[in-house]
Amino acid sequence: MVIVERMKAGSKKSIFREYYVQTALGVSSVINLLPTIGVVGPHRLQSLYGIDITEPNLLLMMQHRAVLFGLIGGILGGSIWWKQWRPISFAAGLLSMGSYMLLGYSLSPSLKDFNAHIQRVFWIDAVGVVVLGSAAMLSICSPQQPEGEKSS
């Protein structure tokens, strides 16, 4: 009877863990897909980042950046269903959002040198790092058997 209860508890934890990981991947996917709208043109990029992006070289770089966000968001979204994608999606998502935060902090630790749009992106990425990082840890550290059971 105790073994059955442990198995049920283990299954519930495992189901919750999987729902959390899937939800975290979905949230992180949306965070990365939203900037993809910048591909449309400078007016969309200005609404995202609060800066005028009409210079052709900068516009090209920012639109290309939007495409790359689409790739990362797509991989994160796809890994909800294809578990074999998860290691690379965790790495790509965490490196993308984490590097933005690290670069921002290294340029202005108080973030005061950035406009409100850029600061908002920083804090959205901070949420993304926490959510995706915790999901990655759950995926990496999840036991393959119910608690209390020892492998033979």
C-alpha atoms as a PDB file:
ATOM      1  CA  MET A   1       0.000   0.000   0.000  1.00  0.00           C
ATOM      2  CA  VAL A   2       2.844   2.434   0.850  1.00  0.00           C
ATOM      3  CA  ILE A   3       4.577   1.681  -2.458  1.00  0.00           C
ATOM      4  CA  VAL A   4       1.372   2.475  -4.384  1.00  0.00           C
ATOM      5  CA  GLU A   5       1.019   5.797  -2.517  1.00  0.00           C
ATOM      6  CA  ARG A   6       4.640   6.673  -3.255  1.00  0.00           C
ATOM      7  CA  MET A   7       4.148   5.869  -6.935  1.00  0.00           C
ATOM      8  CA  LYS A   8       1.056   8.075  -7.088  1.00  0.00           C
ATOM      9  CA  ALA A   9       2.896  10.920  -5.346  1.00  0.00           C
ATOM     10  CA  GLY A  10       5.861  10.469  -7.694  1.00  0.00           C
ATOM     11  CA  SER A  11       3.570  10.549 -10.712  1.00  0.00           C
ATOM     12  CA  LYS A  12       1.856  13.727  -9.527  1.00  0.00           C
ATOM     13  CA  LYS A  13       5.236  15.402  -8.985  1.00  0.00           C
ATOM     14  CA  SER A  14       6.396  14.245 -12.374  1.00  0.00           C
ATOM     15  CA  ILE A  15       3.239  15.523 -14.076  1.00  0.00           C
ATOM     16  CA  PHE A  16       3.516  18.874 -12.270  1.00  0.00           C
ATOM     17  CA  ARG A  17       7.199  19.089 -13.204  1.00  0.00           C
ATOM     18  CA  GLU A  18       6.415  18.472 -16.871  1.00  0.00           C
ATOM     19  CA  TYR A  19       3.586  21.048 -16.885  1.00  0.00           C
ATOM     20  CA  TYR A  20       5.899  23.590 -15.277  1.00  0.00           C
ATOM     21  CA  VAL A  21       8.664  22.923 -17.814  1.00  0.00           C
ATOM     22  CA  GLN A  22       6.214  23.181 -20.715  1.00  0.00           C
ATOM     23  CA  THR A  23       4.719  26.402 -19.345  1.00  0.00           C
ATOM     24  CA  ALA A  24       8.180  27.901 -18.803  1.00  0.00           C
ATOM     25  CA  LEU A  25       9.172  26.995 -22.356  1.00  0.00           C
ATOM     26  CA  GLY A  26       5.956  28.582 -23.632  1.00  0.00           C
ATOM     27  CA  VAL A  27       6.507  31.798 -21.662  1.00  0.00           C
ATOM     28  CA  SER A  28      10.137  31.977 -22.799  1.00  0.00           C
ATOM     29  CA  SER A  29       9.077  31.300 -26.372  1.00  0.00           C
ATOM     30  CA  VAL A  30       6.620  34.218 -26.296  1.00  0.00           C
ATOM     31  CA  ILE A  31       9.251  36.508 -24.725  1.00  0.00           C
ATOM     32  CA  ASN A  32      11.560  35.721 -27.643  1.00  0.00           C
ATOM     33  CA  LEU A  33       8.900  35.769 -30.372  1.00  0.00           C
ATOM     34  CA  LEU A  34       7.450  39.198 -29.507  1.00  0.00           C
ATOM     35  CA  PRO A  35      10.462  41.184 -30.834  1.00  0.00           C
ATOM     36  CA  THR A  36      10.135  39.340 -34.159  1.00  0.00           C
ATOM     37  CA  ILE A  37       7.567  41.982 -35.147  1.00  0.00           C
ATOM     38  CA  GLY A  38      10.575  44.285 -35.642  1.00  0.00           C
ATOM     39  CA  VAL A  39      11.151  42.601 -39.000  1.00  0.00           C
ATOM     40  CA  VAL A  40       8.210  44.647 -40.354  1.00  0.00           C
ATOM     41  CA  GLY A  41      10.178  47.882 -40.250  1.00  0.00           C
ATOM     42  CA  PRO A  42      11.578  50.838 -38.356  1.00  0.00           C
ATOM     43  CA  HIS A  43       8.248  51.965 -36.875  1.00  0.00           C
ATOM     44  CA  ARG A  44       7.845  48.599 -35.106  1.00  0.00           C
ATOM     45  CA  LEU A  45      11.419  48.662 -33.866  1.00  0.00           C
ATOM     46  CA  GLN A  46      10.893  52.173 -32.519  1.00  0.00           C
ATOM     47  CA  SER A  47       7.800  51.029 -30.605  1.00  0.00           C
ATOM     48  CA  LEU A  48       9.772  48.113 -29.142  1.00  0.00           C
ATOM     49  CA  TYR A  49      12.932  49.961 -28.150  1.00  0.00           C
ATOM     50  CA  GLY A  50      11.981  53.631 -28.019  1.00  0.00           C
ATOM     51  CA  ILE A  51      14.736  54.730 -30.403  1.00  0.00           C
ATOM     52  CA  ASP A  52      14.669  56.037 -33.963  1.00  0.00           C
ATOM     53  CA  ILE A  53      16.064  53.370 -36.261  1.00  0.00           C
ATOM     54  CA  THR A  54      16.074  54.860 -39.744  1.00  0.00           C
ATOM     55  CA  GLU A  55      19.778  54.621 -40.566  1.00  0.00           C
ATOM     56  CA  PRO A  56      19.924  51.715 -43.095  1.00  0.00           C
ATOM     57  CA  ASN A  57      22.854  49.866 -41.512  1.00  0.00           C
ATOM     58  CA  LEU A  58      21.322  49.925 -38.037  1.00  0.00           C
ATOM     59  CA  LEU A  59      17.911  49.016 -39.470  1.00  0.00           C
ATOM     60  CA  LEU A  60      19.389  45.946 -41.185  1.00  0.00           C
ATOM     61  CA  MET A  61      21.129  44.844 -37.972  1.00  0.00           C
ATOM     62  CA  MET A  62      17.990  45.296 -35.868  1.00  0.00           C
ATOM     63  CA  GLN A  63      15.751  43.488 -38.351  1.00  0.00           C
ATOM     64  CA  HIS A  64      18.238  40.633 -38.506  1.00  0.00           C
ATOM     65  CA  ARG A  65      18.204  40.578 -34.704  1.00  0.00           C
ATOM     66  CA  ALA A  66      14.414  40.232 -34.862  1.00  0.00           C
ATOM     67  CA  VAL A  67      14.775  37.197 -37.149  1.00  0.00           C
ATOM     68  CA  LEU A  68      17.215  35.603 -34.692  1.00  0.00           C
ATOM     69  CA  PHE A  69      14.710  36.133 -31.874  1.00  0.00           C
ATOM     70  CA  GLY A  70      12.180  34.294 -34.025  1.00  0.00           C
ATOM     71  CA  LEU A  71      14.551  31.345 -34.364  1.00  0.00           C
ATOM     72  CA  ILE A  72      15.171  31.180 -30.608  1.00  0.00           C
ATOM     73  CA  GLY A  73      11.457  31.561 -29.864  1.00  0.00           C
ATOM     74  CA  GLY A  74      10.624  28.835 -32.366  1.00  0.00           C
ATOM     75  CA  ILE A  75      13.132  26.419 -30.858  1.00  0.00           C
ATOM     76  CA  LEU A  76      11.826  27.142 -27.349  1.00  0.00           C
ATOM     77  CA  GLY A  77       8.242  26.633 -28.515  1.00  0.00           C
ATOM     78  CA  GLY A  78       9.080  23.451 -30.406  1.00  0.00           C
ATOM     79  CA  SER A  79      10.797  21.966 -27.384  1.00  0.00           C
ATOM     80  CA  ILE A  80       7.462  21.957 -25.559  1.00  0.00           C
ATOM     81  CA  TRP A  81       6.599  18.927 -27.699  1.00  0.00           C
ATOM     82  CA  TRP A  82      10.015  17.633 -28.791  1.00  0.00           C
ATOM     83  CA  LYS A  83      11.910  16.896 -25.598  1.00  0.00           C
ATOM     84  CA  GLN A  84      15.145  16.153 -27.463  1.00  0.00           C
ATOM     85  CA  TRP A  85      15.275  19.874 -28.351  1.00  0.00           C
ATOM     86  CA  ARG A  86      15.204  20.954 -24.732  1.00  0.00           C
ATOM     87  CA  PRO A  87      18.940  21.028 -23.939  1.00  0.00           C
ATOM     88  CA  ILE A  88      19.713  23.284 -26.902  1.00  0.00           C
ATOM     89  CA  SER A  89      16.620  25.423 -26.310  1.00  0.00           C
ATOM     90  CA  PHE A  90      17.506  25.945 -22.643  1.00  0.00           C
ATOM     91  CA  ALA A  91      21.050  26.903 -23.642  1.00  0.00           C
ATOM     92  CA  ALA A  92      19.964  29.226 -26.466  1.00  0.00           C
ATOM     93  CA  GLY A  93      17.253  30.944 -24.425  1.00  0.00           C
ATOM     94  CA  LEU A  94      19.383  31.400 -21.326  1.00  0.00           C
ATOM     95  CA  LEU A  95      22.399  32.628 -23.318  1.00  0.00           C
ATOM     96  CA  SER A  96      20.285  35.076 -25.300  1.00  0.00           C
ATOM     97  CA  MET A  97      18.428  36.611 -22.368  1.00  0.00           C
ATOM     98  CA  GLY A  98      21.333  36.320 -19.936  1.00  0.00           C
ATOM     99  CA  SER A  99      23.826  37.961 -22.293  1.00  0.00           C
ATOM    100  CA  TYR A 100      21.466  40.906 -22.834  1.00  0.00           C
ATOM    101  CA  MET A 101      21.225  41.381 -19.082  1.00  0.00           C
ATOM    102  CA  LEU A 102      24.978  41.007 -18.580  1.00  0.00           C
ATOM    103  CA  LEU A 103      25.784  43.483 -21.340  1.00  0.00           C
ATOM    104  CA  GLY A 104      23.194  45.958 -20.045  1.00  0.00           C
ATOM    105  CA  TYR A 105      24.480  45.695 -16.500  1.00  0.00           C
ATOM    106  CA  SER A 106      28.105  46.062 -17.618  1.00  0.00           C
ATOM    107  CA  LEU A 107      27.265  49.301 -19.461  1.00  0.00           C
ATOM    108  CA  SER A 108      25.040  50.803 -16.769  1.00  0.00           C
ATOM    109  CA  PRO A 109      24.698  48.895 -13.463  1.00  0.00           C
ATOM    110  CA  SER A 110      21.776  51.082 -12.361  1.00  0.00           C
ATOM    111  CA  LEU A 111      20.195  50.913 -15.862  1.00  0.00           C
ATOM    112  CA  LYS A 112      19.634  54.688 -15.622  1.00  0.00           C
ATOM    113  CA  ASP A 113      21.521  55.295 -18.863  1.00  0.00           C
ATOM    114  CA  PHE A 114      18.850  53.361 -20.780  1.00  0.00           C
ATOM    115  CA  ASN A 115      15.400  54.531 -21.817  1.00  0.00           C
ATOM    116  CA  ALA A 116      12.250  53.005 -20.321  1.00  0.00           C
ATOM    117  CA  HIS A 117      11.794  50.629 -23.283  1.00  0.00           C
ATOM    118  CA  ILE A 118      15.268  49.147 -22.925  1.00  0.00           C
ATOM    119  CA  GLN A 119      14.847  48.864 -19.153  1.00  0.00           C
ATOM    120  CA  ARG A 120      11.556  47.033 -19.706  1.00  0.00           C
ATOM    121  CA  VAL A 121      13.318  44.549 -22.017  1.00  0.00           C
ATOM    122  CA  PHE A 122      15.953  44.030 -19.301  1.00  0.00           C
ATOM    123  CA  TRP A 123      13.325  43.153 -16.673  1.00  0.00           C
ATOM    124  CA  ILE A 124      11.324  40.945 -19.049  1.00  0.00           C
ATOM    125  CA  ASP A 125      14.527  39.042 -19.797  1.00  0.00           C
ATOM    126  CA  ALA A 126      15.216  38.773 -16.061  1.00  0.00           C
ATOM    127  CA  VAL A 127      11.842  37.060 -15.618  1.00  0.00           C
ATOM    128  CA  GLY A 128      12.636  34.855 -18.606  1.00  0.00           C
ATOM    129  CA  VAL A 129      15.983  33.813 -17.144  1.00  0.00           C
ATOM    130  CA  VAL A 130      14.407  32.861 -13.807  1.00  0.00           C
ATOM    131  CA  VAL A 131      11.514  30.969 -15.404  1.00  0.00           C
ATOM    132  CA  LEU A 132      13.616  29.185 -18.030  1.00  0.00           C
ATOM    133  CA  GLY A 133      16.520  28.557 -15.641  1.00  0.00           C
ATOM    134  CA  SER A 134      14.243  26.930 -13.075  1.00  0.00           C
ATOM    135  CA  ALA A 135      12.686  24.770 -15.800  1.00  0.00           C
ATOM    136  CA  ALA A 136      16.140  23.731 -16.980  1.00  0.00           C
ATOM    137  CA  MET A 137      17.107  22.763 -13.441  1.00  0.00           C
ATOM    138  CA  LEU A 138      13.902  20.757 -13.025  1.00  0.00           C
ATOM    139  CA  SER A 139      14.593  18.960 -16.290  1.00  0.00           C
ATOM    140  CA  ILE A 140      18.202  18.217 -15.422  1.00  0.00           C
ATOM    141  CA  CYS A 141      17.599  17.233 -11.800  1.00  0.00           C
ATOM    142  CA  SER A 142      14.335  15.341 -12.243  1.00  0.00           C
ATOM    143  CA  PRO A 143      14.487  11.833 -10.836  1.00  0.00           C
ATOM    144  CA  GLN A 144      13.755   8.995 -13.196  1.00  0.00           C
ATOM    145  CA  GLN A 145      11.963   7.027 -10.499  1.00  0.00           C
ATOM    146  CA  PRO A 146       9.592   7.805  -7.639  1.00  0.00           C
ATOM    147  CA  GLU A 147      11.163   9.169  -4.450  1.00  0.00           C
ATOM    148  CA  GLY A 148      12.124   6.581  -1.905  1.00  0.00           C
ATOM    149  CA  GLU A 149      12.829   3.916  -4.534  1.00  0.00           C
ATOM    150  CA  LYS A 150      16.417   2.783  -4.941  1.00  0.00           C
ATOM    151  CA  SER A 151      17.766   1.504  -8.212  1.00  0.00           C
ATOM    152  CA  SER A 152      19.058  -2.044  -8.268  1.00  0.00           C
END
